[in-house]
Amino acid sequence: MITTPFKFPDGDGFSIYMKRLPAGGIRLSDMGSTLIHLSYKQDVERLKEGSRLKVYSQILSEMGVHDDDGELFLESPANQLAQSIFQFGQALMRIHDTAHLNCSNRDLI
């Protein structure tokens, strides 16, 4: 587990885990904790429909993050670990902030 100063608005720290990849590089993972944390404020199934899905997919794409059944992860070369931790933390915060979206069927945030 990596200790960072990143925190959710309620004060809980981000859960970021690091694993060496067999082919080289590092995988940063939240082990599913971000969506669990988000589920305290909203139904995370809403991220799989309509405008929220578009916003969620856009965040993942822009930040290079992948979703494996709720586990968010980012793979990185070892020599870019510091930048990747920051990038991953930013992605987790942006995903968590989707709880504040007020999307209707007509709006795309």
PDB file of N, CA and C in Angstrom:
ATOM      1  N   MET A   1       0.852  -1.174   0.000  1.00  0.00           N
ATOM      2  CA  MET A   1       0.000   0.000   0.000  1.00  0.00           C
ATOM      3  C   MET A   1       0.894   1.233   0.000  1.00  0.00           C
ATOM      4  N   ILE A   2       0.462   2.237  -0.763  1.00  0.00           N
ATOM      5  CA  ILE A   2       1.204   3.488  -0.842  1.00  0.00           C
ATOM      6  C   ILE A   2       0.469   4.528   0.002  1.00  0.00           C
ATOM      7  N   THR A   3       1.191   5.193   0.862  1.00  0.00           N
ATOM      8  CA  THR A   3       0.612   6.263   1.660  1.00  0.00           C
ATOM      9  C   THR A   3       0.815   7.576   0.918  1.00  0.00           C
ATOM     10  N   THR A   4      -0.287   8.290   0.697  1.00  0.00           N
ATOM     11  CA  THR A   4      -0.242   9.582   0.004  1.00  0.00           C
ATOM     12  C   THR A   4      -1.035  10.596   0.821  1.00  0.00           C
ATOM     13  N   PRO A   5      -0.903  11.871   0.510  1.00  0.00           N
ATOM     14  CA  PRO A   5      -1.717  12.875   1.192  1.00  0.00           C
ATOM     15  C   PRO A   5      -3.109  13.007   0.578  1.00  0.00           C
ATOM     16  N   PHE A   6      -3.435  12.228  -0.473  1.00  0.00           N
ATOM     17  CA  PHE A   6      -4.729  12.331  -1.134  1.00  0.00           C
ATOM     18  C   PHE A   6      -5.839  11.827  -0.228  1.00  0.00           C
ATOM     19  N   LYS A   7      -6.907  12.627  -0.137  1.00  0.00           N
ATOM     20  CA  LYS A   7      -8.038  12.265   0.712  1.00  0.00           C
ATOM     21  C   LYS A   7      -9.345  12.589   0.016  1.00  0.00           C
ATOM     22  N   PHE A   8     -10.359  11.789   0.327  1.00  0.00           N
ATOM     23  CA  PHE A   8     -11.708  12.093  -0.120  1.00  0.00           C
ATOM     24  C   PHE A   8     -12.235  13.240   0.749  1.00  0.00           C
ATOM     25  N   PRO A   9     -13.283  13.932   0.307  1.00  0.00           N
ATOM     26  CA  PRO A   9     -13.802  15.068   1.082  1.00  0.00           C
ATOM     27  C   PRO A   9     -14.161  14.740   2.530  1.00  0.00           C
ATOM     28  N   ASP A  10     -14.494  13.478   2.825  1.00  0.00           N
ATOM     29  CA  ASP A  10     -14.855  13.128   4.205  1.00  0.00           C
ATOM     30  C   ASP A  10     -13.632  12.841   5.077  1.00  0.00           C
ATOM     31  N   GLY A  11     -12.417  12.957   4.493  1.00  0.00           N
ATOM     32  CA  GLY A  11     -11.193  12.755   5.263  1.00  0.00           C
ATOM     33  C   GLY A  11     -10.568  11.386   5.115  1.00  0.00           C
ATOM     34  N   ASP A  12     -11.296  10.433   4.547  1.00  0.00           N
ATOM     35  CA  ASP A  12     -10.720   9.104   4.316  1.00  0.00           C
ATOM     36  C   ASP A  12      -9.620   9.197   3.270  1.00  0.00           C
ATOM     37  N   GLY A  13      -8.525   8.532   3.511  1.00  0.00           N
ATOM     38  CA  GLY A  13      -7.430   8.518   2.551  1.00  0.00           C
ATOM     39  C   GLY A  13      -7.701   7.585   1.395  1.00  0.00           C
ATOM     40  N   PHE A  14      -7.081   7.858   0.264  1.00  0.00           N
ATOM     41  CA  PHE A  14      -7.193   6.973  -0.885  1.00  0.00           C
ATOM     42  C   PHE A  14      -6.479   5.670  -0.573  1.00  0.00           C
ATOM     43  N   SER A  15      -7.013   4.591  -1.073  1.00  0.00           N
ATOM     44  CA  SER A  15      -6.339   3.298  -0.998  1.00  0.00           C
ATOM     45  C   SER A  15      -5.659   3.061  -2.337  1.00  0.00           C
ATOM     46  N   ILE A  16      -4.337   3.122  -2.343  1.00  0.00           N
ATOM     47  CA  ILE A  16      -3.574   2.887  -3.561  1.00  0.00           C
ATOM     48  C   ILE A  16      -2.548   1.797  -3.257  1.00  0.00           C
ATOM     49  N   TYR A  17      -2.602   0.752  -4.052  1.00  0.00           N
ATOM     50  CA  TYR A  17      -1.707  -0.385  -3.881  1.00  0.00           C
ATOM     51  C   TYR A  17      -0.810  -0.505  -5.102  1.00  0.00           C
ATOM     52  N   MET A  18       0.407  -0.942  -4.898  1.00  0.00           N
ATOM     53  CA  MET A  18       1.382  -1.060  -5.967  1.00  0.00           C
ATOM     54  C   MET A  18       1.795  -2.525  -6.101  1.00  0.00           C
ATOM     55  N   LYS A  19       1.871  -2.963  -7.360  1.00  0.00           N
ATOM     56  CA  LYS A  19       2.295  -4.339  -7.638  1.00  0.00           C
ATOM     57  C   LYS A  19       3.232  -4.311  -8.839  1.00  0.00           C
ATOM     58  N   ARG A  20       4.360  -5.008  -8.725  1.00  0.00           N
ATOM     59  CA  ARG A  20       5.278  -5.127  -9.859  1.00  0.00           C
ATOM     60  C   ARG A  20       4.660  -6.080 -10.882  1.00  0.00           C
ATOM     61  N   LEU A  21       4.767  -5.694 -12.141  1.00  0.00           N
ATOM     62  CA  LEU A  21       4.248  -6.525 -13.222  1.00  0.00           C
ATOM     63  C   LEU A  21       5.340  -7.468 -13.722  1.00  0.00           C
ATOM     64  N   PRO A  22       4.995  -8.707 -14.087  1.00  0.00           N
ATOM     65  CA  PRO A  22       6.002  -9.673 -14.542  1.00  0.00           C
ATOM     66  C   PRO A  22       6.813  -9.184 -15.738  1.00  0.00           C
ATOM     67  N   ALA A  23       6.179  -8.449 -16.643  1.00  0.00           N
ATOM     68  CA  ALA A  23       6.880  -7.967 -17.841  1.00  0.00           C
ATOM     69  C   ALA A  23       7.596  -6.642 -17.596  1.00  0.00           C
ATOM     70  N   GLY A  24       7.589  -6.176 -16.365  1.00  0.00           N
ATOM     71  CA  GLY A  24       8.192  -4.888 -16.026  1.00  0.00           C
ATOM     72  C   GLY A  24       7.117  -3.844 -15.816  1.00  0.00           C
ATOM     73  N   GLY A  25       7.450  -2.836 -15.099  1.00  0.00           N
ATOM     74  CA  GLY A  25       6.494  -1.786 -14.794  1.00  0.00           C
ATOM     75  C   GLY A  25       5.754  -2.045 -13.498  1.00  0.00           C
ATOM     76  N   ILE A  26       4.812  -1.165 -13.239  1.00  0.00           N
ATOM     77  CA  ILE A  26       4.079  -1.160 -11.977  1.00  0.00           C
ATOM     78  C   ILE A  26       2.589  -1.057 -12.267  1.00  0.00           C
ATOM     79  N   ARG A  27       1.784  -1.732 -11.483  1.00  0.00           N
ATOM     80  CA  ARG A  27       0.328  -1.556 -11.533  1.00  0.00           C
ATOM     81  C   ARG A  27      -0.094  -0.880 -10.242  1.00  0.00           C
ATOM     82  N   LEU A  28      -0.748   0.267 -10.384  1.00  0.00           N
ATOM     83  CA  LEU A  28      -1.370   0.941  -9.248  1.00  0.00           C
ATOM     84  C   LEU A  28      -2.839   0.548  -9.247  1.00  0.00           C
ATOM     85  N   SER A  29      -3.361   0.179  -8.102  1.00  0.00           N
ATOM     86  CA  SER A  29      -4.740  -0.284  -8.006  1.00  0.00           C
ATOM     87  C   SER A  29      -5.399   0.275  -6.749  1.00  0.00           C
ATOM     88  N   ASP A  30      -6.691   0.489  -6.846  1.00  0.00           N
ATOM     89  CA  ASP A  30      -7.442   0.878  -5.650  1.00  0.00           C
ATOM     90  C   ASP A  30      -8.131  -0.328  -5.021  1.00  0.00           C
ATOM     91  N   MET A  31      -7.984  -1.508  -5.623  1.00  0.00           N
ATOM     92  CA  MET A  31      -8.588  -2.762  -5.148  1.00  0.00           C
ATOM     93  C   MET A  31     -10.098  -2.612  -4.918  1.00  0.00           C
ATOM     94  N   GLY A  32     -10.735  -1.730  -5.691  1.00  0.00           N
ATOM     95  CA  GLY A  32     -12.185  -1.553  -5.621  1.00  0.00           C
ATOM     96  C   GLY A  32     -12.668  -0.549  -4.599  1.00  0.00           C
ATOM     97  N   SER A  33     -11.763   0.061  -3.858  1.00  0.00           N
ATOM     98  CA  SER A  33     -12.184   0.921  -2.744  1.00  0.00           C
ATOM     99  C   SER A  33     -12.841   2.235  -3.172  1.00  0.00           C
ATOM    100  N   THR A  34     -12.478   2.774  -4.345  1.00  0.00           N
ATOM    101  CA  THR A  34     -13.046   4.058  -4.757  1.00  0.00           C
ATOM    102  C   THR A  34     -14.539   3.927  -5.033  1.00  0.00           C
ATOM    103  N   LEU A  35     -14.926   2.892  -5.769  1.00  0.00           N
ATOM    104  CA  LEU A  35     -16.350   2.716  -6.055  1.00  0.00           C
ATOM    105  C   LEU A  35     -17.127   2.323  -4.801  1.00  0.00           C
ATOM    106  N   ILE A  36     -16.490   1.607  -3.896  1.00  0.00           N
ATOM    107  CA  ILE A  36     -17.145   1.306  -2.613  1.00  0.00           C
ATOM    108  C   ILE A  36     -17.384   2.604  -1.858  1.00  0.00           C
ATOM    109  N   HIS A  37     -16.381   3.459  -1.812  1.00  0.00           N
ATOM    110  CA  HIS A  37     -16.511   4.752  -1.132  1.00  0.00           C
ATOM    111  C   HIS A  37     -17.590   5.596  -1.804  1.00  0.00           C
ATOM    112  N   LEU A  38     -17.614   5.570  -3.120  1.00  0.00           N
ATOM    113  CA  LEU A  38     -18.613   6.321  -3.874  1.00  0.00           C
ATOM    114  C   LEU A  38     -20.018   5.778  -3.613  1.00  0.00           C
ATOM    115  N   SER A  39     -20.132   4.492  -3.361  1.00  0.00           N
ATOM    116  CA  SER A  39     -21.445   3.880  -3.123  1.00  0.00           C
ATOM    117  C   SER A  39     -22.106   4.389  -1.850  1.00  0.00           C
ATOM    118  N   TYR A  40     -21.348   5.012  -0.955  1.00  0.00           N
ATOM    119  CA  TYR A  40     -21.944   5.589   0.249  1.00  0.00           C
ATOM    120  C   TYR A  40     -22.806   6.792  -0.089  1.00  0.00           C
ATOM    121  N   LYS A  41     -22.543   7.430  -1.259  1.00  0.00           N
ATOM    122  CA  LYS A  41     -23.255   8.645  -1.648  1.00  0.00           C
ATOM    123  C   LYS A  41     -24.241   8.429  -2.783  1.00  0.00           C
ATOM    124  N   GLN A  42     -24.013   7.406  -3.606  1.00  0.00           N
ATOM    125  CA  GLN A  42     -24.897   7.179  -4.743  1.00  0.00           C
ATOM    126  C   GLN A  42     -24.869   5.714  -5.132  1.00  0.00           C
ATOM    127  N   ASP A  43     -25.818   5.326  -5.941  1.00  0.00           N
ATOM    128  CA  ASP A  43     -25.855   3.986  -6.505  1.00  0.00           C
ATOM    129  C   ASP A  43     -24.829   3.938  -7.628  1.00  0.00           C
ATOM    130  N   VAL A  44     -23.748   3.190  -7.448  1.00  0.00           N
ATOM    131  CA  VAL A  44     -22.678   3.165  -8.451  1.00  0.00           C
ATOM    132  C   VAL A  44     -23.133   2.523  -9.755  1.00  0.00           C
ATOM    133  N   GLU A  45     -24.224   1.813  -9.741  1.00  0.00           N
ATOM    134  CA  GLU A  45     -24.766   1.266 -10.985  1.00  0.00           C
ATOM    135  C   GLU A  45     -25.173   2.387 -11.931  1.00  0.00           C
ATOM    136  N   ARG A  46     -25.426   3.585 -11.390  1.00  0.00           N
ATOM    137  CA  ARG A  46     -25.783   4.734 -12.232  1.00  0.00           C
ATOM    138  C   ARG A  46     -24.607   5.170 -13.101  1.00  0.00           C
ATOM    139  N   LEU A  47     -23.385   4.759 -12.749  1.00  0.00           N
ATOM    140  CA  LEU A  47     -22.220   5.065 -13.582  1.00  0.00           C
ATOM    141  C   LEU A  47     -22.234   4.270 -14.886  1.00  0.00           C
ATOM    142  N   LYS A  48     -23.126   3.299 -14.994  1.00  0.00           N
ATOM    143  CA  LYS A  48     -23.172   2.434 -16.167  1.00  0.00           C
ATOM    144  C   LYS A  48     -24.299   2.804 -17.123  1.00  0.00           C
ATOM    145  N   GLU A  49     -24.826   4.037 -16.978  1.00  0.00           N
ATOM    146  CA  GLU A  49     -25.934   4.418 -17.849  1.00  0.00           C
ATOM    147  C   GLU A  49     -25.895   5.905 -18.174  1.00  0.00           C
ATOM    148  N   GLY A  50     -26.394   6.239 -19.334  1.00  0.00           N
ATOM    149  CA  GLY A  50     -26.610   7.618 -19.741  1.00  0.00           C
ATOM    150  C   GLY A  50     -25.389   8.518 -19.663  1.00  0.00           C
ATOM    151  N   SER A  51     -25.637   9.735 -19.232  1.00  0.00           N
ATOM    152  CA  SER A  51     -24.588  10.759 -19.166  1.00  0.00           C
ATOM    153  C   SER A  51     -23.492  10.401 -18.185  1.00  0.00           C
ATOM    154  N   ARG A  52     -23.847   9.762 -17.083  1.00  0.00           N
ATOM    155  CA  ARG A  52     -22.823   9.374 -16.109  1.00  0.00           C
ATOM    156  C   ARG A  52     -21.831   8.382 -16.720  1.00  0.00           C
ATOM    157  N   LEU A  53     -22.339   7.447 -17.525  1.00  0.00           N
ATOM    158  CA  LEU A  53     -21.451   6.491 -18.195  1.00  0.00           C
ATOM    159  C   LEU A  53     -20.504   7.232 -19.128  1.00  0.00           C
ATOM    160  N   LYS A  54     -20.994   8.221 -19.846  1.00  0.00           N
ATOM    161  CA  LYS A  54     -20.144   8.983 -20.756  1.00  0.00           C
ATOM    162  C   LYS A  54     -19.060   9.731 -19.986  1.00  0.00           C
ATOM    163  N   VAL A  55     -19.435  10.351 -18.875  1.00  0.00           N
ATOM    164  CA  VAL A  55     -18.460  11.084 -18.063  1.00  0.00           C
ATOM    165  C   VAL A  55     -17.442  10.117 -17.457  1.00  0.00           C
ATOM    166  N   TYR A  56     -17.919   9.009 -16.887  1.00  0.00           N
ATOM    167  CA  TYR A  56     -17.046   8.005 -16.271  1.00  0.00           C
ATOM    168  C   TYR A  56     -16.059   7.451 -17.302  1.00  0.00           C
ATOM    169  N   SER A  57     -16.563   7.083 -18.471  1.00  0.00           N
ATOM    170  CA  SER A  57     -15.707   6.547 -19.531  1.00  0.00           C
ATOM    171  C   SER A  57     -14.681   7.577 -19.995  1.00  0.00           C
ATOM    172  N   GLN A  58     -15.094   8.832 -20.065  1.00  0.00           N
ATOM    173  CA  GLN A  58     -14.184   9.901 -20.475  1.00  0.00           C
ATOM    174  C   GLN A  58     -13.053  10.074 -19.464  1.00  0.00           C
ATOM    175  N   ILE A  59     -13.388  10.040 -18.182  1.00  0.00           N
ATOM    176  CA  ILE A  59     -12.359  10.165 -17.136  1.00  0.00           C
ATOM    177  C   ILE A  59     -11.358   9.014 -17.257  1.00  0.00           C
ATOM    178  N   LEU A  60     -11.863   7.784 -17.365  1.00  0.00           N
ATOM    179  CA  LEU A  60     -10.973   6.623 -17.480  1.00  0.00           C
ATOM    180  C   LEU A  60     -10.052   6.771 -18.681  1.00  0.00           C
ATOM    181  N   SER A  61     -10.629   7.150 -19.814  1.00  0.00           N
ATOM    182  CA  SER A  61      -9.851   7.285 -21.040  1.00  0.00           C
ATOM    183  C   SER A  61      -8.788   8.381 -20.927  1.00  0.00           C
ATOM    184  N   GLU A  62      -9.183   9.552 -20.456  1.00  0.00           N
ATOM    185  CA  GLU A  62      -8.249  10.676 -20.338  1.00  0.00           C
ATOM    186  C   GLU A  62      -7.105  10.379 -19.378  1.00  0.00           C
ATOM    187  N   MET A  63      -7.386   9.645 -18.325  1.00  0.00           N
ATOM    188  CA  MET A  63      -6.393   9.418 -17.285  1.00  0.00           C
ATOM    189  C   MET A  63      -5.633   8.096 -17.458  1.00  0.00           C
ATOM    190  N   GLY A  64      -6.003   7.288 -18.458  1.00  0.00           N
ATOM    191  CA  GLY A  64      -5.319   6.024 -18.701  1.00  0.00           C
ATOM    192  C   GLY A  64      -5.629   4.961 -17.656  1.00  0.00           C
ATOM    193  N   VAL A  65      -6.787   5.099 -17.018  1.00  0.00           N
ATOM    194  CA  VAL A  65      -7.189   4.178 -15.954  1.00  0.00           C
ATOM    195  C   VAL A  65      -8.156   3.150 -16.531  1.00  0.00           C
ATOM    196  N   HIS A  66      -8.101   1.946 -15.998  1.00  0.00           N
ATOM    197  CA  HIS A  66      -8.972   0.862 -16.437  1.00  0.00           C
ATOM    198  C   HIS A  66      -9.845   0.416 -15.271  1.00  0.00           C
ATOM    199  N   ASP A  67     -11.017  -0.116 -15.598  1.00  0.00           N
ATOM    200  CA  ASP A  67     -11.959  -0.636 -14.610  1.00  0.00           C
ATOM    201  C   ASP A  67     -12.124  -2.124 -14.866  1.00  0.00           C
ATOM    202  N   ASP A  68     -11.696  -2.926 -13.906  1.00  0.00           N
ATOM    203  CA  ASP A  68     -11.855  -4.373 -13.986  1.00  0.00           C
ATOM    204  C   ASP A  68     -12.852  -4.789 -12.920  1.00  0.00           C
ATOM    205  N   ASP A  69     -14.131  -4.756 -13.275  1.00  0.00           N
ATOM    206  CA  ASP A  69     -15.221  -5.139 -12.366  1.00  0.00           C
ATOM    207  C   ASP A  69     -15.170  -4.361 -11.051  1.00  0.00           C
ATOM    208  N   GLY A  70     -14.941  -3.049 -11.163  1.00  0.00           N
ATOM    209  CA  GLY A  70     -14.935  -2.178  -9.985  1.00  0.00           C
ATOM    210  C   GLY A  70     -13.562  -1.868  -9.432  1.00  0.00           C
ATOM    211  N   GLU A  71     -12.561  -2.649  -9.810  1.00  0.00           N
ATOM    212  CA  GLU A  71     -11.189  -2.343  -9.401  1.00  0.00           C
ATOM    213  C   GLU A  71     -10.602  -1.385 -10.434  1.00  0.00           C
ATOM    214  N   LEU A  72     -10.198  -0.217  -9.988  1.00  0.00           N
ATOM    215  CA  LEU A  72      -9.584   0.759 -10.873  1.00  0.00           C
ATOM    216  C   LEU A  72      -8.076   0.592 -10.813  1.00  0.00           C
ATOM    217  N   PHE A  73      -7.433   0.615 -11.995  1.00  0.00           N
ATOM    218  CA  PHE A  73      -5.984   0.445 -11.999  1.00  0.00           C
ATOM    219  C   PHE A  73      -5.350   1.228 -13.142  1.00  0.00           C
ATOM    220  N   LEU A  74      -4.071   1.501 -12.952  1.00  0.00           N
ATOM    221  CA  LEU A  74      -3.244   2.202 -13.932  1.00  0.00           C
ATOM    222  C   LEU A  74      -1.915   1.478 -13.997  1.00  0.00           C
ATOM    223  N   GLU A  75      -1.482   1.123 -15.205  1.00  0.00           N
ATOM    224  CA  GLU A  75      -0.183   0.494 -15.371  1.00  0.00           C
ATOM    225  C   GLU A  75       0.808   1.533 -15.859  1.00  0.00           C
ATOM    226  N   SER A  76       2.028   1.450 -15.333  1.00  0.00           N
ATOM    227  CA  SER A  76       3.014   2.497 -15.563  1.00  0.00           C
ATOM    228  C   SER A  76       4.417   1.916 -15.626  1.00  0.00           C
ATOM    229  N   PRO A  77       5.295   2.531 -16.438  1.00  0.00           N
ATOM    230  CA  PRO A  77       6.712   2.166 -16.342  1.00  0.00           C
ATOM    231  C   PRO A  77       7.233   2.547 -14.955  1.00  0.00           C
ATOM    232  N   ALA A  78       8.143   1.770 -14.436  1.00  0.00           N
ATOM    233  CA  ALA A  78       8.677   2.026 -13.091  1.00  0.00           C
ATOM    234  C   ALA A  78       9.321   3.401 -12.977  1.00  0.00           C
ATOM    235  N   ASN A  79       9.943   3.888 -14.054  1.00  0.00           N
ATOM    236  CA  ASN A  79      10.621   5.181 -13.975  1.00  0.00           C
ATOM    237  C   ASN A  79       9.649   6.367 -14.019  1.00  0.00           C
ATOM    238  N   GLN A  80       8.352   6.106 -14.134  1.00  0.00           N
ATOM    239  CA  GLN A  80       7.344   7.169 -14.107  1.00  0.00           C
ATOM    240  C   GLN A  80       6.390   7.004 -12.921  1.00  0.00           C
ATOM    241  N   LEU A  81       6.854   6.315 -11.893  1.00  0.00           N
ATOM    242  CA  LEU A  81       5.997   5.996 -10.752  1.00  0.00           C
ATOM    243  C   LEU A  81       5.432   7.235 -10.077  1.00  0.00           C
ATOM    244  N   ALA A  82       6.246   8.233  -9.804  1.00  0.00           N
ATOM    245  CA  ALA A  82       5.751   9.433  -9.106  1.00  0.00           C
ATOM    246  C   ALA A  82       4.642  10.117  -9.901  1.00  0.00           C
ATOM    247  N   GLN A  83       4.859  10.305 -11.201  1.00  0.00           N
ATOM    248  CA  GLN A  83       3.837  10.935 -12.037  1.00  0.00           C
ATOM    249  C   GLN A  83       2.578  10.079 -12.092  1.00  0.00           C
ATOM    250  N   SER A  84       2.742   8.772 -12.132  1.00  0.00           N
ATOM    251  CA  SER A  84       1.603   7.863 -12.219  1.00  0.00           C
ATOM    252  C   SER A  84       0.780   7.861 -10.935  1.00  0.00           C
ATOM    253  N   ILE A  85       1.445   7.972  -9.792  1.00  0.00           N
ATOM    254  CA  ILE A  85       0.706   8.048  -8.524  1.00  0.00           C
ATOM    255  C   ILE A  85      -0.148   9.316  -8.507  1.00  0.00           C
ATOM    256  N   PHE A  86       0.423  10.418  -8.921  1.00  0.00           N
ATOM    257  CA  PHE A  86      -0.330  11.667  -8.972  1.00  0.00           C
ATOM    258  C   PHE A  86      -1.489  11.553  -9.961  1.00  0.00           C
ATOM    259  N   GLN A  87      -1.227  11.014 -11.145  1.00  0.00           N
ATOM    260  CA  GLN A  87      -2.256  10.843 -12.177  1.00  0.00           C
ATOM    261  C   GLN A  87      -3.382   9.942 -11.669  1.00  0.00           C
ATOM    262  N   PHE A  88      -3.030   8.852 -11.030  1.00  0.00           N
ATOM    263  CA  PHE A  88      -4.028   7.915 -10.507  1.00  0.00           C
ATOM    264  C   PHE A  88      -4.856   8.580  -9.409  1.00  0.00           C
ATOM    265  N   GLY A  89      -4.191   9.304  -8.522  1.00  0.00           N
ATOM    266  CA  GLY A  89      -4.921  10.030  -7.474  1.00  0.00           C
ATOM    267  C   GLY A  89      -5.896  11.036  -8.056  1.00  0.00           C
ATOM    268  N   GLN A  90      -5.473  11.749  -9.084  1.00  0.00           N
ATOM    269  CA  GLN A  90      -6.351  12.718  -9.740  1.00  0.00           C
ATOM    270  C   GLN A  90      -7.551  12.002 -10.368  1.00  0.00           C
ATOM    271  N   ALA A  91      -7.314  10.873 -10.989  1.00  0.00           N
ATOM    272  CA  ALA A  91      -8.407  10.108 -11.594  1.00  0.00           C
ATOM    273  C   ALA A  91      -9.401   9.638 -10.531  1.00  0.00           C
ATOM    274  N   LEU A  92      -8.898   9.136  -9.404  1.00  0.00           N
ATOM    275  CA  LEU A  92      -9.793   8.672  -8.340  1.00  0.00           C
ATOM    276  C   LEU A  92     -10.655   9.809  -7.809  1.00  0.00           C
ATOM    277  N   MET A  93     -10.075  10.997  -7.657  1.00  0.00           N
ATOM    278  CA  MET A  93     -10.848  12.139  -7.173  1.00  0.00           C
ATOM    279  C   MET A  93     -11.913  12.542  -8.195  1.00  0.00           C
ATOM    280  N   ARG A  94     -11.537  12.571  -9.467  1.00  0.00           N
ATOM    281  CA  ARG A  94     -12.510  12.935 -10.502  1.00  0.00           C
ATOM    282  C   ARG A  94     -13.658  11.928 -10.541  1.00  0.00           C
ATOM    283  N   ILE A  95     -13.349  10.657 -10.395  1.00  0.00           N
ATOM    284  CA  ILE A  95     -14.396   9.631 -10.381  1.00  0.00           C
ATOM    285  C   ILE A  95     -15.278   9.808  -9.160  1.00  0.00           C
ATOM    286  N   HIS A  96     -14.678  10.041  -8.011  1.00  0.00           N
ATOM    287  CA  HIS A  96     -15.468  10.257  -6.802  1.00  0.00           C
ATOM    288  C   HIS A  96     -16.371  11.478  -6.943  1.00  0.00           C
ATOM    289  N   ASP A  97     -15.892  12.506  -7.623  1.00  0.00           N
ATOM    290  CA  ASP A  97     -16.673  13.729  -7.796  1.00  0.00           C
ATOM    291  C   ASP A  97     -17.899  13.539  -8.678  1.00  0.00           C
ATOM    292  N   THR A  98     -17.996  12.416  -9.382  1.00  0.00           N
ATOM    293  CA  THR A  98     -19.204  12.183 -10.177  1.00  0.00           C
ATOM    294  C   THR A  98     -20.439  12.078  -9.294  1.00  0.00           C
ATOM    295  N   ALA A  99     -20.257  11.879  -8.005  1.00  0.00           N
ATOM    296  CA  ALA A  99     -21.400  11.835  -7.081  1.00  0.00           C
ATOM    297  C   ALA A  99     -22.132  13.167  -7.057  1.00  0.00           C
ATOM    298  N   HIS A 100     -21.447  14.241  -7.448  1.00  0.00           N
ATOM    299  CA  HIS A 100     -22.046  15.571  -7.413  1.00  0.00           C
ATOM    300  C   HIS A 100     -22.733  15.948  -8.719  1.00  0.00           C
ATOM    301  N   LEU A 101     -22.658  15.066  -9.720  1.00  0.00           N
ATOM    302  CA  LEU A 101     -23.273  15.374 -11.005  1.00  0.00           C
ATOM    303  C   LEU A 101     -24.789  15.303 -10.905  1.00  0.00           C
ATOM    304  N   ASN A 102     -25.429  16.206 -11.604  1.00  0.00           N
ATOM    305  CA  ASN A 102     -26.879  16.194 -11.716  1.00  0.00           C
ATOM    306  C   ASN A 102     -27.195  16.032 -13.199  1.00  0.00           C
ATOM    307  N   CYS A 103     -27.164  14.798 -13.667  1.00  0.00           N
ATOM    308  CA  CYS A 103     -27.348  14.512 -15.077  1.00  0.00           C
ATOM    309  C   CYS A 103     -28.798  14.146 -15.357  1.00  0.00           C
ATOM    310  N   SER A 104     -29.327  14.745 -16.397  1.00  0.00           N
ATOM    311  CA  SER A 104     -30.627  14.334 -16.882  1.00  0.00           C
ATOM    312  C   SER A 104     -30.429  13.631 -18.224  1.00  0.00           C
ATOM    313  N   ASN A 105     -31.478  13.062 -18.757  1.00  0.00           N
ATOM    314  CA  ASN A 105     -31.384  12.375 -20.045  1.00  0.00           C
ATOM    315  C   ASN A 105     -31.002  13.332 -21.161  1.00  0.00           C
ATOM    316  N   ARG A 106     -31.279  14.598 -21.024  1.00  0.00           N
ATOM    317  CA  ARG A 106     -31.018  15.569 -22.063  1.00  0.00           C
ATOM    318  C   ARG A 106     -29.643  16.220 -21.942  1.00  0.00           C
ATOM    319  N   ASP A 107     -29.031  16.100 -20.790  1.00  0.00           N
ATOM    320  CA  ASP A 107     -27.766  16.808 -20.549  1.00  0.00           C
ATOM    321  C   ASP A 107     -26.580  15.870 -20.643  1.00  0.00           C
ATOM    322  N   LEU A 108     -25.508  16.376 -21.177  1.00  0.00           N
ATOM    323  CA  LEU A 108     -24.227  15.676 -21.143  1.00  0.00           C
ATOM    324  C   LEU A 108     -23.249  16.591 -20.442  1.00  0.00           C
ATOM    325  N   ILE A 109     -22.740  16.144 -19.321  1.00  0.00           N
ATOM    326  CA  ILE A 109     -21.820  16.949 -18.528  1.00  0.00           C
ATOM    327  C   ILE A 109     -20.457  16.900 -19.175  1.00  0.00           C
TER     328      ILE A 109
END
